[in-house]
Amino acid sequence: MDWKQWKKFLVEDKQVSEGVSVSSMTGVSVLEALNKLDSYADKTWIFFDTESTGFDQNKDQVTEIAAIAVDPQNWQDPKIVGTYHEKIKLNPDILRRLKDPQSPERIEWEKAQAKQYKRLEKPQDVLSMTRYGEKGVDFKDEQMTLEEFRKFIIQFKDPVLVAQNASHDMKFVNGRLRKKLPKIPVVDTVPLLKFQLIPLLQALTDVDNISKNVLPDLPEDKKEEFMNIFKMASGVLEKISGRGGPSASLGKIADAFEINADEWHNALADTKMLIEIYKKTYNTLQLIKKYGVKTFTYHLKAVKKHRYVMKMRKRK
């Protein structure tokens, strides 16, 4: 996935597919991001996730899809207004890829894997990661399931779709579905986490920054309150950080916010987890209104770092 896709945030008034017009999270302040999110406050938010056999919507397939429709209610106590979840049976070409090492499908898969940044040894690995194949589960036809998902979405008057790395999920839904989705706004939580939440956490934990620009302007009774925020932000940032810096990974963010991530890579569990992560993220971003912490320096660093990482991946 190239830099132009990764840096995008909201799809507006366009059918979600390749080459859509989107609003960028780069160069956008926390307040501007919140205003954009709040403009969808009266819509039904449909959080969803797909699992698939790979990254190519033309050669791979969807194996699971889950969606939870939510009435935001200012993200204090969002109300669930609908749920959809189905597992999908494997198509013949995918079965040949799995079962016959000499099949054209398997040979083509191995050639594609050789070019991947993170390679799998065998095609069964992705199914194991997504817990595919449980006993006692009714596996349905892919087209039937995607059409049911489309109908689930359009039953709501003003839906907005929300997904982690939404371009991947939308690419598969629209790429595999014979009847495309209508024009619906889409929120991708990856850039929101990467370019808004993480820079805010860094700003909140910069001792020099808050000593000079935050604490002097706070009344005494608010300083203790802010120090609790400082401790919270420090704990979250520590848990999501590694050798490469802070991560916007769904599992790591969930763990840092003490959200259950035991069934990560299961579509329904991931969808539930994403709702809780979004709620935590939204309410954390609201702190900017209360304390006026400056985040631009950290935002710019996050953008530059991401450009560098994507450039390096393209070279490999």
C-alpha atoms as a PDB file:
ATOM      1  CA  MET A   1       0.000   0.000   0.000  1.00  0.00           C
ATOM      2  CA  ASP A   2       1.501   3.345  -1.016  1.00  0.00           C
ATOM      3  CA  TRP A   3       1.857   6.566   0.961  1.00  0.00           C
ATOM      4  CA  LYS A   4      -1.116   8.253  -0.710  1.00  0.00           C
ATOM      5  CA  GLN A   5      -3.443   5.522   0.514  1.00  0.00           C
ATOM      6  CA  TRP A   6      -2.009   5.358   4.033  1.00  0.00           C
ATOM      7  CA  LYS A   7      -2.190   9.051   4.758  1.00  0.00           C
ATOM      8  CA  LYS A   8      -5.898   9.318   4.010  1.00  0.00           C
ATOM      9  CA  PHE A   9      -8.657   9.545   6.549  1.00  0.00           C
ATOM     10  CA  LEU A  10     -12.226  10.146   5.366  1.00  0.00           C
ATOM     11  CA  VAL A  11     -13.906   9.167   2.104  1.00  0.00           C
ATOM     12  CA  GLU A  12     -16.506  11.734   1.192  1.00  0.00           C
ATOM     13  CA  ASP A  13     -19.321  11.588  -1.348  1.00  0.00           C
ATOM     14  CA  LYS A  14     -17.536   9.052  -3.513  1.00  0.00           C
ATOM     15  CA  GLN A  15     -18.103   5.362  -4.036  1.00  0.00           C
ATOM     16  CA  VAL A  16     -15.410   3.661  -2.027  1.00  0.00           C
ATOM     17  CA  SER A  17     -13.054   1.983  -4.465  1.00  0.00           C
ATOM     18  CA  GLU A  18      -9.572   2.507  -5.866  1.00  0.00           C
ATOM     19  CA  GLY A  19      -8.754   6.071  -6.796  1.00  0.00           C
ATOM     20  CA  VAL A  20     -11.350   7.746  -4.558  1.00  0.00           C
ATOM     21  CA  SER A  21     -11.080  11.315  -3.293  1.00  0.00           C
ATOM     22  CA  VAL A  22     -10.313  11.545   0.436  1.00  0.00           C
ATOM     23  CA  SER A  23      -9.481  14.088   3.138  1.00  0.00           C
ATOM     24  CA  SER A  24      -6.028  13.808   4.631  1.00  0.00           C
ATOM     25  CA  MET A  25      -5.173  13.590   8.319  1.00  0.00           C
ATOM     26  CA  THR A  26      -1.788  15.140   7.622  1.00  0.00           C
ATOM     27  CA  GLY A  27      -1.639  18.828   8.441  1.00  0.00           C
ATOM     28  CA  VAL A  28      -4.959  18.560  10.296  1.00  0.00           C
ATOM     29  CA  SER A  29      -5.154  19.689  13.922  1.00  0.00           C
ATOM     30  CA  VAL A  30      -6.830  17.616  16.628  1.00  0.00           C
ATOM     31  CA  LEU A  31      -9.648  20.167  16.807  1.00  0.00           C
ATOM     32  CA  GLU A  32     -10.191  19.974  13.042  1.00  0.00           C
ATOM     33  CA  ALA A  33     -10.230  16.183  13.215  1.00  0.00           C
ATOM     34  CA  LEU A  34     -12.778  16.269  16.042  1.00  0.00           C
ATOM     35  CA  ASN A  35     -14.952  18.734  14.135  1.00  0.00           C
ATOM     36  CA  LYS A  36     -14.920  16.404  11.145  1.00  0.00           C
ATOM     37  CA  LEU A  37     -15.872  13.419  13.269  1.00  0.00           C
ATOM     38  CA  ASP A  38     -18.575  15.411  15.025  1.00  0.00           C
ATOM     39  CA  SER A  39     -20.114  16.312  11.668  1.00  0.00           C
ATOM     40  CA  TYR A  40     -21.212  12.657  11.507  1.00  0.00           C
ATOM     41  CA  ALA A  41     -22.738  12.674  15.011  1.00  0.00           C
ATOM     42  CA  ASP A  42     -26.285  12.197  13.736  1.00  0.00           C
ATOM     43  CA  LYS A  43     -25.418   9.250  11.485  1.00  0.00           C
ATOM     44  CA  THR A  44     -25.422   5.534  12.232  1.00  0.00           C
ATOM     45  CA  TRP A  45     -21.810   4.410  12.630  1.00  0.00           C
ATOM     46  CA  ILE A  46     -21.225   0.916  11.249  1.00  0.00           C
ATOM     47  CA  PHE A  47     -17.979  -0.522  12.567  1.00  0.00           C
ATOM     48  CA  PHE A  48     -16.894  -3.527  10.519  1.00  0.00           C
ATOM     49  CA  ASP A  49     -14.047  -5.881   9.772  1.00  0.00           C
ATOM     50  CA  THR A  50     -13.283  -8.496   7.151  1.00  0.00           C
ATOM     51  CA  GLU A  51     -10.894 -11.417   7.151  1.00  0.00           C
ATOM     52  CA  SER A  52      -9.528 -12.686   3.854  1.00  0.00           C
ATOM     53  CA  THR A  53      -7.094 -15.179   2.327  1.00  0.00           C
ATOM     54  CA  GLY A  54      -4.694 -12.447   1.211  1.00  0.00           C
ATOM     55  CA  PHE A  55      -4.361  -8.910  -0.128  1.00  0.00           C
ATOM     56  CA  ASP A  56      -5.530  -9.209  -3.752  1.00  0.00           C
ATOM     57  CA  GLN A  57      -9.292  -8.872  -4.116  1.00  0.00           C
ATOM     58  CA  ASN A  58      -9.117 -10.407  -7.596  1.00  0.00           C
ATOM     59  CA  LYS A  59      -7.299 -13.580  -6.543  1.00  0.00           C
ATOM     60  CA  ASP A  60      -8.187 -13.892  -2.864  1.00  0.00           C
ATOM     61  CA  GLN A  61     -11.536 -13.964  -1.116  1.00  0.00           C
ATOM     62  CA  VAL A  62     -13.331 -12.810   2.030  1.00  0.00           C
ATOM     63  CA  THR A  63     -13.516 -15.529   4.690  1.00  0.00           C
ATOM     64  CA  GLU A  64     -15.375 -13.652   7.429  1.00  0.00           C
ATOM     65  CA  ILE A  65     -17.232 -10.373   7.830  1.00  0.00           C
ATOM     66  CA  ALA A  66     -18.661  -8.698  10.924  1.00  0.00           C
ATOM     67  CA  ALA A  67     -20.400  -5.379  11.485  1.00  0.00           C
ATOM     68  CA  ILE A  68     -21.920  -3.585  14.459  1.00  0.00           C
ATOM     69  CA  ALA A  69     -24.159  -0.557  13.875  1.00  0.00           C
ATOM     70  CA  VAL A  70     -23.982   2.088  16.588  1.00  0.00           C
ATOM     71  CA  ASP A  71     -25.846   5.229  17.605  1.00  0.00           C
ATOM     72  CA  PRO A  72     -22.899   7.344  18.913  1.00  0.00           C
ATOM     73  CA  GLN A  73     -24.717   9.291  21.668  1.00  0.00           C
ATOM     74  CA  ASN A  74     -21.695  11.586  21.981  1.00  0.00           C
ATOM     75  CA  TRP A  75     -19.437   8.528  22.480  1.00  0.00           C
ATOM     76  CA  GLN A  76     -20.158   8.358  26.183  1.00  0.00           C
ATOM     77  CA  ASP A  77     -22.474   5.366  26.004  1.00  0.00           C
ATOM     78  CA  PRO A  78     -22.954   4.372  22.342  1.00  0.00           C
ATOM     79  CA  LYS A  79     -26.018   2.247  21.671  1.00  0.00           C
ATOM     80  CA  ILE A  80     -25.803  -0.886  19.462  1.00  0.00           C
ATOM     81  CA  VAL A  81     -28.657  -0.854  16.946  1.00  0.00           C
ATOM     82  CA  GLY A  82     -27.698  -3.827  14.759  1.00  0.00           C
ATOM     83  CA  THR A  83     -25.177  -6.655  14.313  1.00  0.00           C
ATOM     84  CA  TYR A  84     -24.086  -8.775  11.354  1.00  0.00           C
ATOM     85  CA  HIS A  85     -21.572 -11.641  11.389  1.00  0.00           C
ATOM     86  CA  GLU A  86     -20.929 -14.522   9.006  1.00  0.00           C
ATOM     87  CA  LYS A  87     -18.150 -16.956   8.118  1.00  0.00           C
ATOM     88  CA  ILE A  88     -17.663 -17.791   4.448  1.00  0.00           C
ATOM     89  CA  LYS A  89     -16.827 -21.091   2.773  1.00  0.00           C
ATOM     90  CA  LEU A  90     -13.731 -21.287   0.605  1.00  0.00           C
ATOM     91  CA  ASN A  91     -14.073 -21.009  -3.159  1.00  0.00           C
ATOM     92  CA  PRO A  92     -12.719 -23.793  -5.443  1.00  0.00           C
ATOM     93  CA  ASP A  93      -9.653 -21.807  -6.567  1.00  0.00           C
ATOM     94  CA  ILE A  94      -8.655 -21.143  -2.950  1.00  0.00           C
ATOM     95  CA  LEU A  95      -9.097 -24.830  -2.085  1.00  0.00           C
ATOM     96  CA  ARG A  96      -6.774 -25.764  -4.932  1.00  0.00           C
ATOM     97  CA  ARG A  97      -4.219 -23.271  -3.649  1.00  0.00           C
ATOM     98  CA  LEU A  98      -4.396 -24.852  -0.198  1.00  0.00           C
ATOM     99  CA  LYS A  99      -4.466 -28.534  -1.135  1.00  0.00           C
ATOM    100  CA  ASP A 100      -2.379 -28.883  -4.295  1.00  0.00           C
ATOM    101  CA  PRO A 101       1.234 -27.577  -4.152  1.00  0.00           C
ATOM    102  CA  GLN A 102       1.510 -28.094  -7.927  1.00  0.00           C
ATOM    103  CA  SER A 103      -1.640 -26.195  -8.859  1.00  0.00           C
ATOM    104  CA  PRO A 104      -1.370 -22.938 -10.838  1.00  0.00           C
ATOM    105  CA  GLU A 105      -3.081 -21.174  -7.931  1.00  0.00           C
ATOM    106  CA  ARG A 106      -0.430 -22.340  -5.449  1.00  0.00           C
ATOM    107  CA  ILE A 107       2.465 -21.490  -7.757  1.00  0.00           C
ATOM    108  CA  GLU A 108       1.062 -18.021  -8.373  1.00  0.00           C
ATOM    109  CA  TRP A 109       0.551 -17.516  -4.615  1.00  0.00           C
ATOM    110  CA  GLU A 110       4.181 -18.469  -3.897  1.00  0.00           C
ATOM    111  CA  LYS A 111       5.449 -16.008  -6.516  1.00  0.00           C
ATOM    112  CA  ALA A 112       3.320 -13.241  -4.984  1.00  0.00           C
ATOM    113  CA  GLN A 113       4.561 -14.081  -1.483  1.00  0.00           C
ATOM    114  CA  ALA A 114       8.164 -13.685  -2.591  1.00  0.00           C
ATOM    115  CA  LYS A 115       7.429  -9.988  -3.155  1.00  0.00           C
ATOM    116  CA  GLN A 116       5.671  -9.389   0.175  1.00  0.00           C
ATOM    117  CA  TYR A 117       7.195  -7.349   2.990  1.00  0.00           C
ATOM    118  CA  LYS A 118       6.064 -10.022   5.466  1.00  0.00           C
ATOM    119  CA  ARG A 119       5.993 -13.456   3.860  1.00  0.00           C
ATOM    120  CA  LEU A 120       3.999 -16.553   4.783  1.00  0.00           C
ATOM    121  CA  GLU A 121       5.401 -20.050   4.402  1.00  0.00           C
ATOM    122  CA  LYS A 122       2.137 -21.621   3.254  1.00  0.00           C
ATOM    123  CA  PRO A 123      -1.366 -20.354   2.395  1.00  0.00           C
ATOM    124  CA  GLN A 124      -2.864 -22.146   5.412  1.00  0.00           C
ATOM    125  CA  ASP A 125      -0.995 -19.746   7.711  1.00  0.00           C
ATOM    126  CA  VAL A 126      -3.408 -16.870   7.128  1.00  0.00           C
ATOM    127  CA  LEU A 127      -6.390 -19.125   7.911  1.00  0.00           C
ATOM    128  CA  SER A 128      -4.777 -20.229  11.167  1.00  0.00           C
ATOM    129  CA  MET A 129      -4.134 -16.600  12.127  1.00  0.00           C
ATOM    130  CA  THR A 130      -7.805 -15.708  11.605  1.00  0.00           C
ATOM    131  CA  ARG A 131      -9.070 -18.876  13.369  1.00  0.00           C
ATOM    132  CA  TYR A 132     -10.794 -20.114  10.244  1.00  0.00           C
ATOM    133  CA  GLY A 133     -12.396 -23.559  10.252  1.00  0.00           C
ATOM    134  CA  GLU A 134     -14.014 -23.857  13.671  1.00  0.00           C
ATOM    135  CA  LYS A 135     -16.298 -26.824  14.124  1.00  0.00           C
ATOM    136  CA  GLY A 136     -20.016 -26.252  14.441  1.00  0.00           C
ATOM    137  CA  VAL A 137     -19.962 -23.061  12.338  1.00  0.00           C
ATOM    138  CA  ASP A 138     -22.208 -22.580   9.307  1.00  0.00           C
ATOM    139  CA  PHE A 139     -20.048 -21.371   6.417  1.00  0.00           C
ATOM    140  CA  LYS A 140     -21.967 -19.456   3.739  1.00  0.00           C
ATOM    141  CA  ASP A 141     -21.452 -18.519   0.090  1.00  0.00           C
ATOM    142  CA  GLU A 142     -19.251 -15.453  -0.402  1.00  0.00           C
ATOM    143  CA  GLN A 143     -21.563 -13.571  -2.781  1.00  0.00           C
ATOM    144  CA  MET A 144     -24.616 -14.277  -0.654  1.00  0.00           C
ATOM    145  CA  THR A 145     -22.839 -13.036   2.455  1.00  0.00           C
ATOM    146  CA  LEU A 146     -21.524  -9.846   0.870  1.00  0.00           C
ATOM    147  CA  GLU A 147     -24.974  -9.062  -0.515  1.00  0.00           C
ATOM    148  CA  GLU A 148     -26.454  -9.558   2.959  1.00  0.00           C
ATOM    149  CA  PHE A 149     -23.794  -7.209   4.317  1.00  0.00           C
ATOM    150  CA  ARG A 150     -24.715  -4.605   1.681  1.00  0.00           C
ATOM    151  CA  LYS A 151     -28.371  -4.849   2.692  1.00  0.00           C
ATOM    152  CA  PHE A 152     -27.417  -4.602   6.361  1.00  0.00           C
ATOM    153  CA  ILE A 153     -25.671  -1.286   5.637  1.00  0.00           C
ATOM    154  CA  ILE A 154     -28.328   0.334   3.455  1.00  0.00           C
ATOM    155  CA  GLN A 155     -31.143  -0.422   5.912  1.00  0.00           C
ATOM    156  CA  PHE A 156     -29.858   2.545   7.935  1.00  0.00           C
ATOM    157  CA  LYS A 157     -30.816   6.005   6.722  1.00  0.00           C
ATOM    158  CA  ASP A 158     -27.458   7.786   7.109  1.00  0.00           C
ATOM    159  CA  PRO A 159     -24.674   5.235   7.620  1.00  0.00           C
ATOM    160  CA  VAL A 160     -20.974   5.928   7.969  1.00  0.00           C
ATOM    161  CA  LEU A 161     -18.570   2.980   7.771  1.00  0.00           C
ATOM    162  CA  VAL A 162     -15.658   2.657  10.184  1.00  0.00           C
ATOM    163  CA  ALA A 163     -12.735   0.237   9.853  1.00  0.00           C
ATOM    164  CA  GLN A 164      -9.095  -0.170  10.828  1.00  0.00           C
ATOM    165  CA  ASN A 165      -7.143   0.144   7.578  1.00  0.00           C
ATOM    166  CA  ALA A 166     -10.425   0.748   5.753  1.00  0.00           C
ATOM    167  CA  SER A 167      -8.903   0.764   2.260  1.00  0.00           C
ATOM    168  CA  HIS A 168      -8.179  -2.968   2.554  1.00  0.00           C
ATOM    169  CA  ASP A 169     -11.676  -3.883   3.756  1.00  0.00           C
ATOM    170  CA  MET A 170     -13.445  -1.658   1.238  1.00  0.00           C
ATOM    171  CA  LYS A 171     -11.259  -2.971  -1.564  1.00  0.00           C
ATOM    172  CA  PHE A 172     -12.423  -6.500  -0.806  1.00  0.00           C
ATOM    173  CA  VAL A 173     -16.085  -5.649  -0.217  1.00  0.00           C
ATOM    174  CA  ASN A 174     -16.436  -3.668  -3.434  1.00  0.00           C
ATOM    175  CA  GLY A 175     -13.992  -5.860  -5.347  1.00  0.00           C
ATOM    176  CA  ARG A 176     -15.781  -9.112  -4.515  1.00  0.00           C
ATOM    177  CA  LEU A 177     -19.354  -7.815  -4.413  1.00  0.00           C
ATOM    178  CA  ARG A 178     -21.155  -7.879  -7.761  1.00  0.00           C
ATOM    179  CA  LYS A 179     -23.428  -4.990  -6.771  1.00  0.00           C
ATOM    180  CA  LYS A 180     -21.276  -2.185  -5.372  1.00  0.00           C
ATOM    181  CA  LEU A 181     -22.003  -0.270  -2.212  1.00  0.00           C
ATOM    182  CA  PRO A 182     -23.646   3.149  -2.564  1.00  0.00           C
ATOM    183  CA  LYS A 183     -21.727   6.337  -1.835  1.00  0.00           C
ATOM    184  CA  ILE A 184     -21.090   6.233   1.916  1.00  0.00           C
ATOM    185  CA  PRO A 185     -18.605   8.162   4.101  1.00  0.00           C
ATOM    186  CA  VAL A 186     -15.847   5.943   5.521  1.00  0.00           C
ATOM    187  CA  VAL A 187     -13.634   6.598   8.547  1.00  0.00           C
ATOM    188  CA  ASP A 188     -10.261   4.851   8.557  1.00  0.00           C
ATOM    189  CA  THR A 189      -9.031   4.642  12.144  1.00  0.00           C
ATOM    190  CA  VAL A 190      -5.365   3.981  11.244  1.00  0.00           C
ATOM    191  CA  PRO A 191      -4.500   7.599  10.324  1.00  0.00           C
ATOM    192  CA  LEU A 192      -6.631   8.839  13.217  1.00  0.00           C
ATOM    193  CA  LEU A 193      -4.537   6.799  15.643  1.00  0.00           C
ATOM    194  CA  LYS A 194      -1.250   7.412  13.882  1.00  0.00           C
ATOM    195  CA  PHE A 195      -1.483  11.131  13.145  1.00  0.00           C
ATOM    196  CA  GLN A 196      -3.772  12.387  15.935  1.00  0.00           C
ATOM    197  CA  LEU A 197      -3.912  10.116  18.990  1.00  0.00           C
ATOM    198  CA  ILE A 198      -0.223   9.163  19.178  1.00  0.00           C
ATOM    199  CA  PRO A 199       1.068  12.757  18.680  1.00  0.00           C
ATOM    200  CA  LEU A 200      -1.351  13.918  21.396  1.00  0.00           C
ATOM    201  CA  LEU A 201      -0.071  11.244  23.798  1.00  0.00           C
ATOM    202  CA  GLN A 202       3.497  12.343  23.039  1.00  0.00           C
ATOM    203  CA  ALA A 203       2.615  15.984  23.684  1.00  0.00           C
ATOM    204  CA  LEU A 204       0.864  15.097  26.945  1.00  0.00           C
ATOM    205  CA  THR A 205       3.977  13.277  28.197  1.00  0.00           C
ATOM    206  CA  ASP A 206       6.593  15.816  27.116  1.00  0.00           C
ATOM    207  CA  VAL A 207       7.689  17.170  30.500  1.00  0.00           C
ATOM    208  CA  ASP A 208       9.395  20.235  29.034  1.00  0.00           C
ATOM    209  CA  ASN A 209       6.371  21.060  26.887  1.00  0.00           C
ATOM    210  CA  ILE A 210       3.771  20.768  29.639  1.00  0.00           C
ATOM    211  CA  SER A 211       5.992  22.542  32.211  1.00  0.00           C
ATOM    212  CA  LYS A 212       6.292  25.590  29.977  1.00  0.00           C
ATOM    213  CA  ASN A 213       3.019  25.619  28.051  1.00  0.00           C
ATOM    214  CA  VAL A 214       0.369  23.832  30.109  1.00  0.00           C
ATOM    215  CA  LEU A 215       0.904  23.815  33.870  1.00  0.00           C
ATOM    216  CA  PRO A 216       1.586  27.574  34.303  1.00  0.00           C
ATOM    217  CA  ASP A 217      -1.880  28.385  32.902  1.00  0.00           C
ATOM    218  CA  LEU A 218      -3.753  25.866  35.050  1.00  0.00           C
ATOM    219  CA  PRO A 219      -5.318  26.723  38.421  1.00  0.00           C
ATOM    220  CA  GLU A 220      -3.928  24.717  41.334  1.00  0.00           C
ATOM    221  CA  ASP A 221      -6.967  22.421  41.584  1.00  0.00           C
ATOM    222  CA  LYS A 222      -6.558  21.454  37.919  1.00  0.00           C
ATOM    223  CA  LYS A 223      -2.850  20.664  38.082  1.00  0.00           C
ATOM    224  CA  GLU A 224      -3.382  17.442  40.046  1.00  0.00           C
ATOM    225  CA  GLU A 225      -6.083  16.460  37.584  1.00  0.00           C
ATOM    226  CA  PHE A 226      -3.687  17.026  34.698  1.00  0.00           C
ATOM    227  CA  MET A 227      -0.998  14.923  36.334  1.00  0.00           C
ATOM    228  CA  ASN A 228      -3.431  11.989  36.330  1.00  0.00           C
ATOM    229  CA  ILE A 229      -3.851  12.573  32.585  1.00  0.00           C
ATOM    230  CA  PHE A 230      -0.051  12.639  32.278  1.00  0.00           C
ATOM    231  CA  LYS A 231       0.196   9.257  34.022  1.00  0.00           C
ATOM    232  CA  MET A 232      -2.523   7.765  31.796  1.00  0.00           C
ATOM    233  CA  ALA A 233      -0.867   9.019  28.604  1.00  0.00           C
ATOM    234  CA  SER A 234       2.549   7.805  29.777  1.00  0.00           C
ATOM    235  CA  GLY A 235       1.190   4.316  30.463  1.00  0.00           C
ATOM    236  CA  VAL A 236      -0.554   4.057  27.097  1.00  0.00           C
ATOM    237  CA  LEU A 237       2.458   5.371  25.183  1.00  0.00           C
ATOM    238  CA  GLU A 238       4.812   2.963  26.964  1.00  0.00           C
ATOM    239  CA  LYS A 239       2.643  -0.042  26.080  1.00  0.00           C
ATOM    240  CA  ILE A 240       2.319   0.789  22.370  1.00  0.00           C
ATOM    241  CA  SER A 241       5.977   1.701  21.871  1.00  0.00           C
ATOM    242  CA  GLY A 242       8.680  -0.612  20.613  1.00  0.00           C
ATOM    243  CA  ARG A 243      11.972  -0.412  18.766  1.00  0.00           C
ATOM    244  CA  GLY A 244      10.277   1.335  15.868  1.00  0.00           C
ATOM    245  CA  GLY A 245       8.418   3.807  18.063  1.00  0.00           C
ATOM    246  CA  PRO A 246       4.694   3.965  18.886  1.00  0.00           C
ATOM    247  CA  SER A 247       2.424   1.556  17.000  1.00  0.00           C
ATOM    248  CA  ALA A 248      -1.129   2.103  15.713  1.00  0.00           C
ATOM    249  CA  SER A 249      -1.734  -1.657  15.749  1.00  0.00           C
ATOM    250  CA  LEU A 250      -5.251  -2.546  16.861  1.00  0.00           C
ATOM    251  CA  GLY A 251      -3.996  -5.179  19.308  1.00  0.00           C
ATOM    252  CA  LYS A 252      -1.403  -2.923  20.936  1.00  0.00           C
ATOM    253  CA  ILE A 253      -3.743   0.048  21.246  1.00  0.00           C
ATOM    254  CA  ALA A 254      -6.391  -2.223  22.775  1.00  0.00           C
ATOM    255  CA  ASP A 255      -3.957  -3.629  25.302  1.00  0.00           C
ATOM    256  CA  ALA A 256      -2.745  -0.150  26.236  1.00  0.00           C
ATOM    257  CA  PHE A 257      -6.311   0.994  26.895  1.00  0.00           C
ATOM    258  CA  GLU A 258      -7.015  -2.271  28.780  1.00  0.00           C
ATOM    259  CA  ILE A 259      -9.496  -3.471  26.161  1.00  0.00           C
ATOM    260  CA  ASN A 260      -9.798  -7.243  25.715  1.00  0.00           C
ATOM    261  CA  ALA A 261      -7.743  -8.292  22.656  1.00  0.00           C
ATOM    262  CA  ASP A 262      -7.644 -12.054  23.304  1.00  0.00           C
ATOM    263  CA  GLU A 263      -9.437 -12.903  20.037  1.00  0.00           C
ATOM    264  CA  TRP A 264      -7.609 -10.421  17.835  1.00  0.00           C
ATOM    265  CA  HIS A 265      -7.921 -11.308  14.094  1.00  0.00           C
ATOM    266  CA  ASN A 266     -11.449 -12.611  14.564  1.00  0.00           C
ATOM    267  CA  ALA A 267     -13.763 -10.275  12.627  1.00  0.00           C
ATOM    268  CA  LEU A 268     -16.464  -9.925  15.288  1.00  0.00           C
ATOM    269  CA  ALA A 269     -13.977  -9.580  18.153  1.00  0.00           C
ATOM    270  CA  ASP A 270     -11.977  -7.020  16.155  1.00  0.00           C
ATOM    271  CA  THR A 271     -15.133  -5.016  15.456  1.00  0.00           C
ATOM    272  CA  LYS A 272     -16.092  -4.921  19.141  1.00  0.00           C
ATOM    273  CA  MET A 273     -12.525  -3.976  19.997  1.00  0.00           C
ATOM    274  CA  LEU A 274     -12.526  -1.186  17.394  1.00  0.00           C
ATOM    275  CA  ILE A 275     -15.662   0.375  18.879  1.00  0.00           C
ATOM    276  CA  GLU A 276     -14.023   0.531  22.307  1.00  0.00           C
ATOM    277  CA  ILE A 277     -10.771   1.868  20.823  1.00  0.00           C
ATOM    278  CA  TYR A 278     -12.603   4.551  18.892  1.00  0.00           C
ATOM    279  CA  LYS A 279     -14.537   5.573  22.012  1.00  0.00           C
ATOM    280  CA  LYS A 280     -11.302   5.813  24.023  1.00  0.00           C
ATOM    281  CA  THR A 281      -9.555   7.682  21.202  1.00  0.00           C
ATOM    282  CA  TYR A 282     -12.371  10.175  20.738  1.00  0.00           C
ATOM    283  CA  ASN A 283     -12.594  10.958  24.445  1.00  0.00           C
ATOM    284  CA  THR A 284      -8.795  11.225  24.738  1.00  0.00           C
ATOM    285  CA  LEU A 285      -8.680  13.673  21.830  1.00  0.00           C
ATOM    286  CA  GLN A 286     -11.257  15.786  23.683  1.00  0.00           C
ATOM    287  CA  LEU A 287      -8.514  16.607  26.221  1.00  0.00           C
ATOM    288  CA  ILE A 288      -7.107  19.075  23.681  1.00  0.00           C
ATOM    289  CA  LYS A 289     -10.124  21.319  24.326  1.00  0.00           C
ATOM    290  CA  LYS A 290      -9.536  21.258  28.056  1.00  0.00           C
ATOM    291  CA  TYR A 291      -5.769  21.716  28.196  1.00  0.00           C
ATOM    292  CA  GLY A 292      -4.794  23.207  24.832  1.00  0.00           C
ATOM    293  CA  VAL A 293      -1.704  21.004  24.451  1.00  0.00           C
ATOM    294  CA  LYS A 294       0.317  21.776  21.304  1.00  0.00           C
ATOM    295  CA  THR A 295       0.691  18.664  19.125  1.00  0.00           C
ATOM    296  CA  PHE A 296       1.908  19.911  15.729  1.00  0.00           C
ATOM    297  CA  THR A 297       5.592  19.056  16.269  1.00  0.00           C
ATOM    298  CA  TYR A 298       4.718  15.439  17.108  1.00  0.00           C
ATOM    299  CA  HIS A 299       2.178  15.272  14.278  1.00  0.00           C
ATOM    300  CA  LEU A 300       4.856  16.381  11.790  1.00  0.00           C
ATOM    301  CA  LYS A 301       7.318  13.794  13.109  1.00  0.00           C
ATOM    302  CA  ALA A 302       4.698  11.048  12.703  1.00  0.00           C
ATOM    303  CA  VAL A 303       4.066  12.086   9.088  1.00  0.00           C
ATOM    304  CA  LYS A 304       7.780  12.197   8.220  1.00  0.00           C
ATOM    305  CA  LYS A 305       8.404   8.845   9.890  1.00  0.00           C
ATOM    306  CA  HIS A 306       5.556   7.211   8.012  1.00  0.00           C
ATOM    307  CA  ARG A 307       6.799   8.538   4.683  1.00  0.00           C
ATOM    308  CA  TYR A 308      10.226   7.102   5.408  1.00  0.00           C
ATOM    309  CA  VAL A 309       8.856   3.685   6.453  1.00  0.00           C
ATOM    310  CA  MET A 310       6.690   3.379   3.345  1.00  0.00           C
ATOM    311  CA  LYS A 311       9.615   4.436   1.151  1.00  0.00           C
ATOM    312  CA  MET A 312      11.812   1.752   2.676  1.00  0.00           C
ATOM    313  CA  ARG A 313       9.112  -0.905   2.223  1.00  0.00           C
ATOM    314  CA  LYS A 314       8.784  -0.054  -1.444  1.00  0.00           C
ATOM    315  CA  ARG A 315      12.492  -0.675  -1.955  1.00  0.00           C
ATOM    316  CA  LYS A 316      12.338  -4.202  -0.494  1.00  0.00           C
END
